[in-house]
């Protein structure tokens, strides 16, 4: 039965599922790829770590603090995530915490401390210039960890993926 044959409208969830299963550039997606990332990274994790470290050094962040390494690993984890829209969640924090033999709460606190350092030293406009490479007009508001991780991970995914993600 098609959706308009029913007396009740389709649910939002059904509509979103149908919408996400259709790529506007190339037609329907294979069933196993729905909700999965189309990015195929051409560089190794060590090269990703070097790129992220270079961005963090350009933002005048010292590698003396443990939060530097937590932030770098969180960004690399998000870069390699197979989710279509990766999220900085408690499970990512727990995974990073296990890798460094600490708790998710410790990772979260360290990320917040590092973001405070980045925001105290740099303006939002400068952060965007370092990460994106272009000057953008922006307000001078605080950039939180989720925004920063998403920004850096997306830039690296776009520049170093094997193909255009939606082609």
Foldseek 3Di string as FASTA:
>chain_A
DDQVVDPDHDDPVVVVQVVQQAQPPPGGDPPVLRQWFLFAFPDDLVVQLVVLVVLCVVLVQDPPAPLSVLLSQLLSCQLPGGGNDDFDDLVSLQVSCVVVVHHSVVNVVSQQVRQVVSLVRDFPQVSCCSQVVDGDDDDRDRDHSRNSSSSNSVSSRCVGTPDHRRD
